[in-house]
């Protein structure tokens, strides 16, 4: 099961960039069955949203690659 559609986004009121990735419906259903204590960090039912903790877009792109690799490992 591969996660899809990664993108860099900004939240309203924040200067920092966020890594956002949509979770496929079949994976969403599997995750929903887990106890809340086992849910992945930064999971919002249909997507993952992880702060890259930088307002610089170039730095965010570089960090997003590292975060994506970590998400795939998880």
PDB file of N, CA and C in Angstrom:
ATOM      1  N   UNK A   1       0.835  -1.167   0.000  1.00  0.00           N
ATOM      2  CA  UNK A   1       0.000   0.000   0.000  1.00  0.00           C
ATOM      3  C   UNK A   1       0.886   1.238   0.000  1.00  0.00           C
ATOM      4  N   UNK A   2       0.801   2.010  -1.020  1.00  0.00           N
ATOM      5  CA  UNK A   2       1.639   3.186  -1.173  1.00  0.00           C
ATOM      6  C   UNK A   2       0.812   4.432  -0.925  1.00  0.00           C
ATOM      7  N   UNK A   3       1.392   5.362  -0.176  1.00  0.00           N
ATOM      8  CA  UNK A   3       0.726   6.639   0.046  1.00  0.00           C
ATOM      9  C   UNK A   3       0.915   7.505  -1.183  1.00  0.00           C
ATOM     10  N   UNK A   4      -0.043   8.399  -1.438  1.00  0.00           N
ATOM     11  CA  UNK A   4      -0.004   9.198  -2.650  1.00  0.00           C
ATOM     12  C   UNK A   4      -0.091  10.680  -2.357  1.00  0.00           C
ATOM     13  N   UNK A   5       0.142  11.449  -3.407  1.00  0.00           N
ATOM     14  CA  UNK A   5      -0.124  12.880  -3.453  1.00  0.00           C
ATOM     15  C   UNK A   5       0.525  13.666  -2.319  1.00  0.00           C
ATOM     16  N   UNK A   6       1.829  13.709  -2.292  1.00  0.00           N
ATOM     17  CA  UNK A   6       2.526  14.530  -1.307  1.00  0.00           C
ATOM     18  C   UNK A   6       2.590  15.964  -1.815  1.00  0.00           C
ATOM     19  N   UNK A   7       2.480  16.914  -0.905  1.00  0.00           N
ATOM     20  CA  UNK A   7       2.581  18.310  -1.306  1.00  0.00           C
ATOM     21  C   UNK A   7       3.048  19.143  -0.125  1.00  0.00           C
ATOM     22  N   UNK A   8       3.555  20.312  -0.438  1.00  0.00           N
ATOM     23  CA  UNK A   8       3.914  21.287   0.584  1.00  0.00           C
ATOM     24  C   UNK A   8       2.752  22.261   0.708  1.00  0.00           C
ATOM     25  N   UNK A   9       2.339  22.526   1.935  1.00  0.00           N
ATOM     26  CA  UNK A   9       1.234  23.455   2.171  1.00  0.00           C
ATOM     27  C   UNK A   9       1.591  24.374   3.323  1.00  0.00           C
ATOM     28  N   UNK A  10       0.803  25.415   3.479  1.00  0.00           N
ATOM     29  CA  UNK A  10       0.915  26.310   4.631  1.00  0.00           C
ATOM     30  C   UNK A  10      -0.442  26.369   5.310  1.00  0.00           C
ATOM     31  N   UNK A  11      -0.440  26.431   6.597  1.00  0.00           N
ATOM     32  CA  UNK A  11      -1.679  26.612   7.350  1.00  0.00           C
ATOM     33  C   UNK A  11      -1.941  28.098   7.512  1.00  0.00           C
ATOM     34  N   UNK A  12      -3.184  28.439   7.568  1.00  0.00           N
ATOM     35  CA  UNK A  12      -3.552  29.840   7.768  1.00  0.00           C
ATOM     36  C   UNK A  12      -3.007  30.322   9.111  1.00  0.00           C
ATOM     37  N   UNK A  13      -2.342  31.466   9.089  1.00  0.00           N
ATOM     38  CA  UNK A  13      -1.786  32.023  10.307  1.00  0.00           C
ATOM     39  C   UNK A  13      -0.402  31.504  10.664  1.00  0.00           C
ATOM     40  N   UNK A  14       0.174  30.656   9.811  1.00  0.00           N
ATOM     41  CA  UNK A  14       1.499  30.106  10.080  1.00  0.00           C
ATOM     42  C   UNK A  14       2.432  30.418   8.923  1.00  0.00           C
ATOM     43  N   UNK A  15       3.676  30.712   9.229  1.00  0.00           N
ATOM     44  CA  UNK A  15       4.672  30.937   8.187  1.00  0.00           C
ATOM     45  C   UNK A  15       5.356  29.637   7.771  1.00  0.00           C
ATOM     46  N   UNK A  16       5.272  28.621   8.605  1.00  0.00           N
ATOM     47  CA  UNK A  16       5.961  27.365   8.337  1.00  0.00           C
ATOM     48  C   UNK A  16       5.267  26.526   7.274  1.00  0.00           C
ATOM     49  N   UNK A  17       6.080  25.748   6.567  1.00  0.00           N
ATOM     50  CA  UNK A  17       5.572  24.816   5.567  1.00  0.00           C
ATOM     51  C   UNK A  17       5.241  23.491   6.227  1.00  0.00           C
ATOM     52  N   UNK A  18       4.277  22.782   5.633  1.00  0.00           N
ATOM     53  CA  UNK A  18       3.847  21.478   6.120  1.00  0.00           C
ATOM     54  C   UNK A  18       3.919  20.467   4.983  1.00  0.00           C
ATOM     55  N   UNK A  19       4.320  19.252   5.338  1.00  0.00           N
ATOM     56  CA  UNK A  19       4.291  18.122   4.415  1.00  0.00           C
ATOM     57  C   UNK A  19       2.905  17.508   4.562  1.00  0.00           C
ATOM     58  N   UNK A  20       2.197  17.359   3.466  1.00  0.00           N
ATOM     59  CA  UNK A  20       0.849  16.791   3.512  1.00  0.00           C
ATOM     60  C   UNK A  20       0.763  15.667   2.494  1.00  0.00           C
ATOM     61  N   UNK A  21       0.195  14.543   2.926  1.00  0.00           N
ATOM     62  CA  UNK A  21       0.067  13.393   2.043  1.00  0.00           C
ATOM     63  C   UNK A  21      -1.283  12.730   2.265  1.00  0.00           C
ATOM     64  N   UNK A  22      -1.999  12.496   1.174  1.00  0.00           N
ATOM     65  CA  UNK A  22      -3.294  11.824   1.235  1.00  0.00           C
ATOM     66  C   UNK A  22      -3.081  10.336   1.492  1.00  0.00           C
ATOM     67  N   UNK A  23      -3.940   9.770   2.315  1.00  0.00           N
ATOM     68  CA  UNK A  23      -3.874   8.341   2.619  1.00  0.00           C
ATOM     69  C   UNK A  23      -4.961   7.637   1.820  1.00  0.00           C
ATOM     70  N   UNK A  24      -4.630   6.563   1.087  1.00  0.00           N
ATOM     71  CA  UNK A  24      -5.641   5.827   0.314  1.00  0.00           C
ATOM     72  C   UNK A  24      -6.763   5.308   1.220  1.00  0.00           C
ATOM     73  N   UNK A  25      -7.948   5.190   0.658  1.00  0.00           N
ATOM     74  CA  UNK A  25      -9.139   4.793   1.415  1.00  0.00           C
ATOM     75  C   UNK A  25      -8.963   3.444   2.116  1.00  0.00           C
ATOM     76  N   UNK A  26      -8.331   2.471   1.460  1.00  0.00           N
ATOM     77  CA  UNK A  26      -8.164   1.163   2.097  1.00  0.00           C
ATOM     78  C   UNK A  26      -7.252   1.248   3.320  1.00  0.00           C
ATOM     79  N   UNK A  27      -6.236   2.087   3.266  1.00  0.00           N
ATOM     80  CA  UNK A  27      -5.341   2.275   4.409  1.00  0.00           C
ATOM     81  C   UNK A  27      -6.074   3.046   5.506  1.00  0.00           C
ATOM     82  N   UNK A  28      -6.896   4.011   5.127  1.00  0.00           N
ATOM     83  CA  UNK A  28      -7.686   4.766   6.107  1.00  0.00           C
ATOM     84  C   UNK A  28      -8.551   3.824   6.933  1.00  0.00           C
ATOM     85  N   UNK A  29      -9.191   2.864   6.261  1.00  0.00           N
ATOM     86  CA  UNK A  29     -10.060   1.914   6.963  1.00  0.00           C
ATOM     87  C   UNK A  29      -9.249   1.049   7.936  1.00  0.00           C
ATOM     88  N   UNK A  30      -8.048   0.627   7.528  1.00  0.00           N
ATOM     89  CA  UNK A  30      -7.196  -0.172   8.409  1.00  0.00           C
ATOM     90  C   UNK A  30      -6.759   0.637   9.632  1.00  0.00           C
ATOM     91  N   UNK A  31      -6.353   1.871   9.401  1.00  0.00           N
ATOM     92  CA  UNK A  31      -5.921   2.718  10.507  1.00  0.00           C
ATOM     93  C   UNK A  31      -7.061   3.019  11.475  1.00  0.00           C
ATOM     94  N   UNK A  32      -8.262   3.189  10.955  1.00  0.00           N
ATOM     95  CA  UNK A  32      -9.418   3.510  11.793  1.00  0.00           C
ATOM     96  C   UNK A  32      -9.739   2.367  12.758  1.00  0.00           C
ATOM     97  N   UNK A  33      -9.368   1.142  12.401  1.00  0.00           N
ATOM     98  CA  UNK A  33      -9.634  -0.019  13.269  1.00  0.00           C
ATOM     99  C   UNK A  33      -8.660  -0.114  14.445  1.00  0.00           C
ATOM    100  N   UNK A  34      -7.529   0.557  14.332  1.00  0.00           N
ATOM    101  CA  UNK A  34      -6.535   0.513  15.409  1.00  0.00           C
ATOM    102  C   UNK A  34      -7.018   1.301  16.612  1.00  0.00           C
ATOM    103  N   UNK A  35      -6.554   0.917  17.822  1.00  0.00           N
ATOM    104  CA  UNK A  35      -6.859   1.748  18.988  1.00  0.00           C
ATOM    105  C   UNK A  35      -6.205   3.118  18.820  1.00  0.00           C
ATOM    106  N   UNK A  36      -6.812   4.122  19.386  1.00  0.00           N
ATOM    107  CA  UNK A  36      -6.330   5.492  19.222  1.00  0.00           C
ATOM    108  C   UNK A  36      -4.858   5.640  19.617  1.00  0.00           C
ATOM    109  N   UNK A  37      -4.414   4.878  20.591  1.00  0.00           N
ATOM    110  CA  UNK A  37      -3.023   4.963  21.046  1.00  0.00           C
ATOM    111  C   UNK A  37      -2.030   4.475  19.991  1.00  0.00           C
ATOM    112  N   UNK A  38      -2.499   3.726  18.991  1.00  0.00           N
ATOM    113  CA  UNK A  38      -1.619   3.200  17.941  1.00  0.00           C
ATOM    114  C   UNK A  38      -1.728   3.988  16.639  1.00  0.00           C
ATOM    115  N   UNK A  39      -2.540   5.020  16.604  1.00  0.00           N
ATOM    116  CA  UNK A  39      -2.664   5.822  15.387  1.00  0.00           C
ATOM    117  C   UNK A  39      -1.345   6.512  15.091  1.00  0.00           C
ATOM    118  N   UNK A  40      -1.004   6.678  13.818  1.00  0.00           N
ATOM    119  CA  UNK A  40       0.226   7.393  13.473  1.00  0.00           C
ATOM    120  C   UNK A  40       0.143   8.856  13.923  1.00  0.00           C
ATOM    121  N   UNK A  41       1.297   9.407  14.291  1.00  0.00           N
ATOM    122  CA  UNK A  41       1.349  10.823  14.656  1.00  0.00           C
ATOM    123  C   UNK A  41       0.965  11.671  13.452  1.00  0.00           C
ATOM    124  N   UNK A  42       0.264  12.746  13.682  1.00  0.00           N
ATOM    125  CA  UNK A  42      -0.122  13.704  12.626  1.00  0.00           C
ATOM    126  C   UNK A  42      -1.104  13.126  11.616  1.00  0.00           C
ATOM    127  N   UNK A  43      -1.879  12.134  12.008  1.00  0.00           N
ATOM    128  CA  UNK A  43      -2.864  11.521  11.114  1.00  0.00           C
ATOM    129  C   UNK A  43      -4.207  12.204  11.310  1.00  0.00           C
ATOM    130  N   UNK A  44      -4.813  12.644  10.214  1.00  0.00           N
ATOM    131  CA  UNK A  44      -6.105  13.339  10.258  1.00  0.00           C
ATOM    132  C   UNK A  44      -7.145  12.617   9.408  1.00  0.00           C
ATOM    133  N   UNK A  45      -7.275  11.310   9.601  1.00  0.00           N
ATOM    134  CA  UNK A  45      -8.234  10.420   8.947  1.00  0.00           C
ATOM    135  C   UNK A  45      -8.053  10.289   7.438  1.00  0.00           C
ATOM    136  N   UNK A  46      -7.914  11.374   6.701  1.00  0.00           N
ATOM    137  CA  UNK A  46      -7.748  11.268   5.244  1.00  0.00           C
ATOM    138  C   UNK A  46      -6.345  11.637   4.789  1.00  0.00           C
ATOM    139  N   UNK A  47      -5.543  12.215   5.685  1.00  0.00           N
ATOM    140  CA  UNK A  47      -4.206  12.658   5.289  1.00  0.00           C
ATOM    141  C   UNK A  47      -3.271  12.754   6.491  1.00  0.00           C
ATOM    142  N   UNK A  48      -1.991  12.863   6.193  1.00  0.00           N
ATOM    143  CA  UNK A  48      -0.969  13.169   7.182  1.00  0.00           C
ATOM    144  C   UNK A  48      -0.554  14.615   6.976  1.00  0.00           C
ATOM    145  N   UNK A  49      -0.302  15.333   8.038  1.00  0.00           N
ATOM    146  CA  UNK A  49       0.170  16.707   7.947  1.00  0.00           C
ATOM    147  C   UNK A  49       1.268  16.883   8.986  1.00  0.00           C
ATOM    148  N   UNK A  50       2.496  17.115   8.510  1.00  0.00           N
ATOM    149  CA  UNK A  50       3.656  17.192   9.390  1.00  0.00           C
ATOM    150  C   UNK A  50       4.362  18.525   9.174  1.00  0.00           C
ATOM    151  N   UNK A  51       4.584  19.262  10.252  1.00  0.00           N
ATOM    152  CA  UNK A  51       5.264  20.548  10.151  1.00  0.00           C
ATOM    153  C   UNK A  51       6.725  20.331   9.770  1.00  0.00           C
ATOM    154  N   UNK A  52       7.194  21.123   8.816  1.00  0.00           N
ATOM    155  CA  UNK A  52       8.598  21.069   8.410  1.00  0.00           C
ATOM    156  C   UNK A  52       9.417  22.098   9.173  1.00  0.00           C
ATOM    157  N   UNK A  53       8.750  22.914   9.987  1.00  0.00           N
ATOM    158  CA  UNK A  53       9.368  23.871  10.901  1.00  0.00           C
ATOM    159  C   UNK A  53      10.330  24.839  10.227  1.00  0.00           C
ATOM    160  N   UNK A  54       9.959  25.264   9.026  1.00  0.00           N
ATOM    161  CA  UNK A  54      10.749  26.282   8.337  1.00  0.00           C
ATOM    162  C   UNK A  54       9.848  27.109   7.432  1.00  0.00           C
ATOM    163  N   UNK A  55      10.061  28.426   7.395  1.00  0.00           N
ATOM    164  CA  UNK A  55       9.300  29.271   6.477  1.00  0.00           C
ATOM    165  C   UNK A  55       9.940  29.354   5.090  1.00  0.00           C
ATOM    166  N   UNK A  56      11.151  28.805   4.939  1.00  0.00           N
ATOM    167  CA  UNK A  56      11.882  28.852   3.668  1.00  0.00           C
ATOM    168  C   UNK A  56      11.449  27.689   2.779  1.00  0.00           C
ATOM    169  N   UNK A  57      10.902  28.006   1.597  1.00  0.00           N
ATOM    170  CA  UNK A  57      10.379  26.960   0.710  1.00  0.00           C
ATOM    171  C   UNK A  57      11.469  25.999   0.238  1.00  0.00           C
ATOM    172  N   UNK A  58      12.658  26.501  -0.085  1.00  0.00           N
ATOM    173  CA  UNK A  58      13.738  25.632  -0.552  1.00  0.00           C
ATOM    174  C   UNK A  58      14.160  24.645   0.542  1.00  0.00           C
ATOM    175  N   UNK A  59      14.272  25.132   1.769  1.00  0.00           N
ATOM    176  CA  UNK A  59      14.617  24.256   2.889  1.00  0.00           C
ATOM    177  C   UNK A  59      13.491  23.250   3.147  1.00  0.00           C
ATOM    178  N   UNK A  60      12.250  23.702   2.985  1.00  0.00           N
ATOM    179  CA  UNK A  60      11.096  22.814   3.187  1.00  0.00           C
ATOM    180  C   UNK A  60      11.097  21.684   2.162  1.00  0.00           C
ATOM    181  N   UNK A  61      11.445  21.984   0.909  1.00  0.00           N
ATOM    182  CA  UNK A  61      11.497  20.937  -0.117  1.00  0.00           C
ATOM    183  C   UNK A  61      12.532  19.874   0.245  1.00  0.00           C
ATOM    184  N   UNK A  62      13.691  20.314   0.725  1.00  0.00           N
ATOM    185  CA  UNK A  62      14.744  19.369   1.107  1.00  0.00           C
ATOM    186  C   UNK A  62      14.300  18.522   2.300  1.00  0.00           C
ATOM    187  N   UNK A  63      13.694  19.164   3.283  1.00  0.00           N
ATOM    188  CA  UNK A  63      13.249  18.449   4.468  1.00  0.00           C
ATOM    189  C   UNK A  63      12.071  17.523   4.150  1.00  0.00           C
ATOM    190  N   UNK A  64      11.235  17.905   3.188  1.00  0.00           N
ATOM    191  CA  UNK A  64      10.079  17.085   2.812  1.00  0.00           C
ATOM    192  C   UNK A  64      10.529  15.723   2.298  1.00  0.00           C
ATOM    193  N   UNK A  65      11.654  15.681   1.599  1.00  0.00           N
ATOM    194  CA  UNK A  65      12.169  14.402   1.097  1.00  0.00           C
ATOM    195  C   UNK A  65      12.526  13.484   2.267  1.00  0.00           C
ATOM    196  N   UNK A  66      13.130  14.037   3.313  1.00  0.00           N
ATOM    197  CA  UNK A  66      13.472  13.248   4.502  1.00  0.00           C
ATOM    198  C   UNK A  66      12.210  12.754   5.209  1.00  0.00           C
ATOM    199  N   UNK A  67      11.238  13.643   5.337  1.00  0.00           N
ATOM    200  CA  UNK A  67       9.981  13.280   5.999  1.00  0.00           C
ATOM    201  C   UNK A  67       9.257  12.200   5.197  1.00  0.00           C
ATOM    202  N   UNK A  68       9.244  12.320   3.870  1.00  0.00           N
ATOM    203  CA  UNK A  68       8.588  11.334   3.015  1.00  0.00           C
ATOM    204  C   UNK A  68       9.212   9.957   3.199  1.00  0.00           C
ATOM    205  N   UNK A  69      10.531   9.906   3.291  1.00  0.00           N
ATOM    206  CA  UNK A  69      11.218   8.635   3.501  1.00  0.00           C
ATOM    207  C   UNK A  69      10.820   8.025   4.852  1.00  0.00           C
ATOM    208  N   UNK A  70      10.720   8.865   5.874  1.00  0.00           N
ATOM    209  CA  UNK A  70      10.304   8.389   7.195  1.00  0.00           C
ATOM    210  C   UNK A  70       8.873   7.872   7.197  1.00  0.00           C
ATOM    211  N   UNK A  71       7.997   8.573   6.474  1.00  0.00           N
ATOM    212  CA  UNK A  71       6.592   8.149   6.380  1.00  0.00           C
ATOM    213  C   UNK A  71       6.504   6.795   5.676  1.00  0.00           C
ATOM    214  N   UNK A  72       7.253   6.616   4.617  1.00  0.00           N
ATOM    215  CA  UNK A  72       7.239   5.343   3.879  1.00  0.00           C
ATOM    216  C   UNK A  72       7.740   4.215   4.762  1.00  0.00           C
ATOM    217  N   UNK A  73       8.783   4.459   5.571  1.00  0.00           N
ATOM    218  CA  UNK A  73       9.305   3.425   6.481  1.00  0.00           C
ATOM    219  C   UNK A  73       8.262   3.034   7.511  1.00  0.00           C
ATOM    220  N   UNK A  74       7.527   4.027   7.994  1.00  0.00           N
ATOM    221  CA  UNK A  74       6.526   3.770   9.029  1.00  0.00           C
ATOM    222  C   UNK A  74       5.413   2.907   8.469  1.00  0.00           C
TER     223      UNK A  74
END
